[in-house]
N, C-alpha and C. Protein backbone atom coordinates (compact mmCIF):
# COMPACT_ATOMS: atom_id res chain seq x y z
N MET A 1 0.84 -1.19 0.00
CA MET A 1 0.00 0.00 0.00
C MET A 1 0.88 1.25 0.00
N LYS A 2 0.48 2.23 -0.77
CA LYS A 2 1.24 3.47 -0.85
C LYS A 2 1.05 4.30 0.41
N THR A 3 2.00 5.17 0.66
CA THR A 3 1.89 6.06 1.82
C THR A 3 1.28 7.39 1.40
N ASP A 4 0.79 8.10 2.38
CA ASP A 4 0.16 9.40 2.15
C ASP A 4 1.23 10.43 1.82
N TYR A 5 1.27 10.89 0.58
CA TYR A 5 2.29 11.84 0.12
C TYR A 5 2.25 13.15 0.90
N ILE A 6 1.08 13.61 1.22
CA ILE A 6 0.92 14.91 1.89
C ILE A 6 1.42 14.84 3.33
N GLU A 7 1.08 13.78 4.04
CA GLU A 7 1.57 13.62 5.42
C GLU A 7 3.07 13.35 5.43
N GLU A 8 3.53 12.58 4.47
CA GLU A 8 4.94 12.22 4.39
C GLU A 8 5.83 13.46 4.23
N ASN A 9 5.38 14.42 3.43
CA ASN A 9 6.15 15.64 3.16
C ASN A 9 5.73 16.81 4.05
N LYS A 10 4.88 16.54 5.05
CA LYS A 10 4.45 17.53 6.03
C LYS A 10 3.84 18.78 5.37
N ILE A 11 2.98 18.56 4.39
CA ILE A 11 2.27 19.64 3.73
C ILE A 11 1.01 19.93 4.54
N THR A 12 0.90 21.14 5.07
CA THR A 12 -0.24 21.47 5.92
C THR A 12 -1.42 22.02 5.12
N HIS A 13 -1.14 22.70 4.02
CA HIS A 13 -2.20 23.32 3.23
C HIS A 13 -2.01 22.96 1.76
N VAL A 14 -3.04 22.37 1.17
CA VAL A 14 -3.01 22.06 -0.26
C VAL A 14 -3.57 23.27 -0.99
N ASP A 15 -2.71 23.96 -1.71
CA ASP A 15 -3.09 25.21 -2.36
C ASP A 15 -3.47 24.96 -3.81
N TYR A 16 -4.53 25.63 -4.27
CA TYR A 16 -4.98 25.46 -5.65
C TYR A 16 -3.98 26.05 -6.65
N LYS A 17 -3.07 26.90 -6.17
CA LYS A 17 -2.08 27.52 -7.07
C LYS A 17 -0.83 26.65 -7.23
N ASP A 18 -0.69 25.61 -6.42
CA ASP A 18 0.47 24.72 -6.49
C ASP A 18 0.19 23.64 -7.53
N LEU A 19 0.36 23.98 -8.79
CA LEU A 19 0.00 23.08 -9.88
C LEU A 19 0.89 21.85 -9.96
N ALA A 20 2.13 21.96 -9.53
CA ALA A 20 3.04 20.81 -9.55
C ALA A 20 2.54 19.72 -8.60
N LEU A 21 2.07 20.14 -7.44
CA LEU A 21 1.53 19.18 -6.47
C LEU A 21 0.23 18.58 -6.98
N LEU A 22 -0.64 19.39 -7.53
CA LEU A 22 -1.93 18.90 -8.00
C LEU A 22 -1.78 17.94 -9.17
N ASP A 23 -0.76 18.14 -10.00
CA ASP A 23 -0.55 17.26 -11.15
C ASP A 23 -0.17 15.84 -10.73
N LYS A 24 0.37 15.68 -9.52
CA LYS A 24 0.70 14.34 -9.02
C LYS A 24 -0.55 13.50 -8.79
N PHE A 25 -1.69 14.16 -8.62
CA PHE A 25 -2.93 13.47 -8.30
C PHE A 25 -3.94 13.51 -9.44
N ARG A 26 -3.45 13.80 -10.67
CA ARG A 26 -4.27 13.78 -11.87
C ARG A 26 -3.62 12.83 -12.87
N ASN A 27 -4.44 12.12 -13.65
CA ASN A 27 -3.87 11.25 -14.67
C ASN A 27 -3.64 12.03 -15.96
N GLN A 28 -3.18 11.34 -16.99
CA GLN A 28 -2.82 12.04 -18.23
C GLN A 28 -4.02 12.63 -18.94
N HIS A 29 -5.24 12.21 -18.57
CA HIS A 29 -6.45 12.75 -19.17
C HIS A 29 -7.01 13.91 -18.37
N GLY A 30 -6.42 14.20 -17.21
CA GLY A 30 -6.88 15.31 -16.39
C GLY A 30 -7.84 14.93 -15.29
N ARG A 31 -8.13 13.65 -15.17
CA ARG A 31 -9.06 13.19 -14.13
C ARG A 31 -8.34 13.07 -12.79
N ILE A 32 -9.08 13.21 -11.72
CA ILE A 32 -8.53 13.06 -10.38
C ILE A 32 -8.33 11.57 -10.12
N ILE A 33 -7.14 11.20 -9.67
CA ILE A 33 -6.83 9.79 -9.39
C ILE A 33 -7.48 9.39 -8.07
N ALA A 34 -8.04 8.19 -8.03
CA ALA A 34 -8.75 7.69 -6.86
C ALA A 34 -7.81 7.50 -5.67
N ARG A 35 -8.38 7.58 -4.50
CA ARG A 35 -7.65 7.42 -3.25
C ARG A 35 -6.99 6.05 -3.15
N LYS A 36 -7.62 5.06 -3.73
CA LYS A 36 -7.09 3.70 -3.73
C LYS A 36 -5.71 3.63 -4.39
N HIS A 37 -5.50 4.45 -5.41
CA HIS A 37 -4.26 4.43 -6.16
C HIS A 37 -3.22 5.43 -5.64
N THR A 38 -3.67 6.53 -5.05
CA THR A 38 -2.73 7.54 -4.57
C THR A 38 -2.22 7.24 -3.17
N GLY A 39 -3.01 6.53 -2.36
CA GLY A 39 -2.61 6.23 -1.00
C GLY A 39 -2.89 7.35 -0.02
N LEU A 40 -3.64 8.35 -0.43
CA LEU A 40 -3.95 9.47 0.45
C LEU A 40 -5.01 9.06 1.47
N SER A 41 -4.97 9.73 2.62
CA SER A 41 -6.05 9.54 3.60
C SER A 41 -7.30 10.24 3.06
N ALA A 42 -8.44 9.92 3.65
CA ALA A 42 -9.70 10.51 3.19
C ALA A 42 -9.68 12.03 3.35
N LYS A 43 -9.13 12.48 4.46
CA LYS A 43 -9.05 13.92 4.74
C LYS A 43 -8.20 14.64 3.69
N ASN A 44 -7.04 14.07 3.37
CA ASN A 44 -6.16 14.71 2.39
C ASN A 44 -6.68 14.57 0.96
N GLN A 45 -7.38 13.47 0.67
CA GLN A 45 -7.97 13.32 -0.66
C GLN A 45 -9.01 14.41 -0.90
N LYS A 46 -9.81 14.73 0.12
CA LYS A 46 -10.81 15.79 -0.01
C LYS A 46 -10.14 17.14 -0.23
N LYS A 47 -9.01 17.39 0.45
CA LYS A 47 -8.28 18.65 0.26
C LYS A 47 -7.77 18.75 -1.18
N VAL A 48 -7.23 17.66 -1.69
CA VAL A 48 -6.70 17.64 -3.06
C VAL A 48 -7.83 17.83 -4.07
N GLU A 49 -8.94 17.13 -3.88
CA GLU A 49 -10.07 17.27 -4.80
C GLU A 49 -10.60 18.69 -4.82
N LYS A 50 -10.72 19.29 -3.66
CA LYS A 50 -11.22 20.66 -3.57
C LYS A 50 -10.27 21.63 -4.28
N ALA A 51 -8.96 21.45 -4.08
CA ALA A 51 -7.98 22.33 -4.71
C ALA A 51 -7.99 22.16 -6.23
N ILE A 52 -8.09 20.93 -6.72
CA ILE A 52 -8.13 20.68 -8.16
C ILE A 52 -9.37 21.31 -8.78
N LYS A 53 -10.51 21.13 -8.12
CA LYS A 53 -11.75 21.68 -8.64
C LYS A 53 -11.72 23.21 -8.65
N GLN A 54 -11.11 23.80 -7.64
CA GLN A 54 -11.00 25.26 -7.59
C GLN A 54 -10.07 25.76 -8.69
N ALA A 55 -8.96 25.06 -8.91
CA ALA A 55 -8.02 25.44 -9.98
C ALA A 55 -8.68 25.30 -11.34
N ARG A 56 -9.50 24.28 -11.53
CA ARG A 56 -10.22 24.12 -12.79
C ARG A 56 -11.18 25.28 -13.01
N PHE A 57 -11.93 25.63 -11.97
CA PHE A 57 -12.93 26.69 -12.08
C PHE A 57 -12.27 28.03 -12.43
N LEU A 58 -11.09 28.28 -11.87
CA LEU A 58 -10.38 29.53 -12.13
C LEU A 58 -9.59 29.51 -13.44
N GLY A 59 -9.57 28.36 -14.11
CA GLY A 59 -8.90 28.26 -15.40
C GLY A 59 -7.41 28.01 -15.31
N LEU A 60 -6.90 27.61 -14.16
CA LEU A 60 -5.46 27.35 -14.01
C LEU A 60 -5.08 26.00 -14.63
N ILE A 61 -6.02 25.05 -14.57
CA ILE A 61 -5.78 23.75 -15.22
C ILE A 61 -7.03 23.41 -16.04
N ALA A 62 -6.84 22.58 -17.04
CA ALA A 62 -7.94 22.20 -17.92
C ALA A 62 -8.82 21.14 -17.27
N TYR A 63 -10.08 21.14 -17.63
CA TYR A 63 -10.99 20.10 -17.14
C TYR A 63 -10.60 18.75 -17.74
N ILE A 64 -10.29 18.74 -19.05
CA ILE A 64 -9.92 17.52 -19.74
C ILE A 64 -8.68 17.81 -20.59
N GLU A 65 -7.69 16.96 -20.47
CA GLU A 65 -6.48 17.09 -21.30
C GLU A 65 -6.72 16.42 -22.64
N ALA A 66 -6.38 17.11 -23.71
CA ALA A 66 -6.62 16.56 -25.05
C ALA A 66 -5.45 15.73 -25.51
């Protein structure tokens, strides 16, 4: 089982502007990778999902990668 990347690196706040971090949790099509595959805790998965959705809404990342 994978370890929680966010807890491992002591990241306290998942920011929607940190695109490098958010890209670790998106696949090549732009979809959010499931918790089963990323190894994140439920709490941190929700933080990542919220940040990705906010970045999409603001136009920082695409909804779907072509």
